[in-house]
C-alpha cells in the first residue's frame, strides 16, 4: 500500500511531466498572431493602382 509521501512524489512527478510536455508543445506551436500581422502588413503595403485618367 502506498503511503502519503509516495503518493505526493508520484503526483509531483506527474505534474512536472505534464508541464514539460506543455512547454514543449507551446515551443512547437505556430504563433498565429505574428502570422496575422504579417499577412495584414502585406495587404497594407500592396501597390496602389489609380483607376482615373487624371492622375
Protein backbone atom coordinates (compact mmCIF):
# COMPACT_ATOMS: atom_id res chain seq x y z
CA UNK A 1 0.00 0.00 0.00
CA UNK A 2 1.24 3.47 -0.86
CA UNK A 3 1.94 5.91 1.89
CA UNK A 4 1.29 9.65 1.69
CA UNK A 5 4.85 10.57 0.76
CA UNK A 6 4.92 8.15 -2.19
CA UNK A 7 1.60 9.49 -3.43
CA UNK A 8 2.91 13.05 -3.13
CA UNK A 9 6.05 12.15 -5.08
CA UNK A 10 4.04 10.47 -7.83
CA UNK A 11 1.70 13.45 -8.11
CA UNK A 12 4.63 15.87 -8.27
CA UNK A 13 6.36 13.76 -10.93
CA UNK A 14 3.16 13.63 -12.99
CA UNK A 15 2.75 17.41 -12.71
CA UNK A 16 6.35 18.03 -13.81
CA UNK A 17 5.92 15.72 -16.79
CA UNK A 18 2.70 17.49 -17.79
CA UNK A 19 4.32 20.94 -17.51
CA UNK A 20 7.32 19.80 -19.53
CA UNK A 21 5.09 18.36 -22.25
CA UNK A 22 3.04 21.56 -22.34
CA UNK A 23 6.12 23.77 -22.64
CA UNK A 24 7.47 21.65 -25.50
CA UNK A 25 4.09 21.84 -27.23
CA UNK A 26 3.99 25.64 -26.92
CA UNK A 27 7.51 25.93 -28.33
CA UNK A 28 6.43 23.99 -31.42
CA UNK A 29 3.05 25.75 -31.78
CA UNK A 30 2.99 28.30 -34.62
CA UNK A 31 2.29 31.84 -33.48
CA UNK A 32 -0.89 32.83 -35.32
CA UNK A 33 -0.76 36.42 -34.05
CA UNK A 34 2.50 37.05 -35.90
CA UNK A 35 1.09 35.37 -39.00
CA UNK A 36 -1.96 37.66 -38.95
CA UNK A 37 0.23 40.74 -38.54
CA UNK A 38 2.50 39.81 -41.42
CA UNK A 39 -0.39 39.00 -43.76
CA UNK A 40 -2.13 42.23 -42.77
CA UNK A 41 1.14 44.08 -43.38
CA UNK A 42 1.43 42.58 -46.84
CA UNK A 43 -2.10 43.65 -47.68
CA UNK A 44 -1.44 47.11 -46.32
CA UNK A 45 1.64 47.65 -48.47
CA UNK A 46 0.14 46.32 -51.68
CA UNK A 47 0.79 48.59 -54.69
CA UNK A 48 -1.95 51.15 -55.23
CA UNK A 49 -3.27 51.32 -58.77
CA UNK A 50 -5.02 54.52 -59.71
CA UNK A 51 -8.02 53.95 -61.95
CA UNK A 52 -8.72 57.50 -63.01
CA UNK A 53 -7.10 59.04 -66.09
CA UNK A 54 -6.45 62.42 -64.49
CA UNK A 55 -3.55 61.25 -62.31
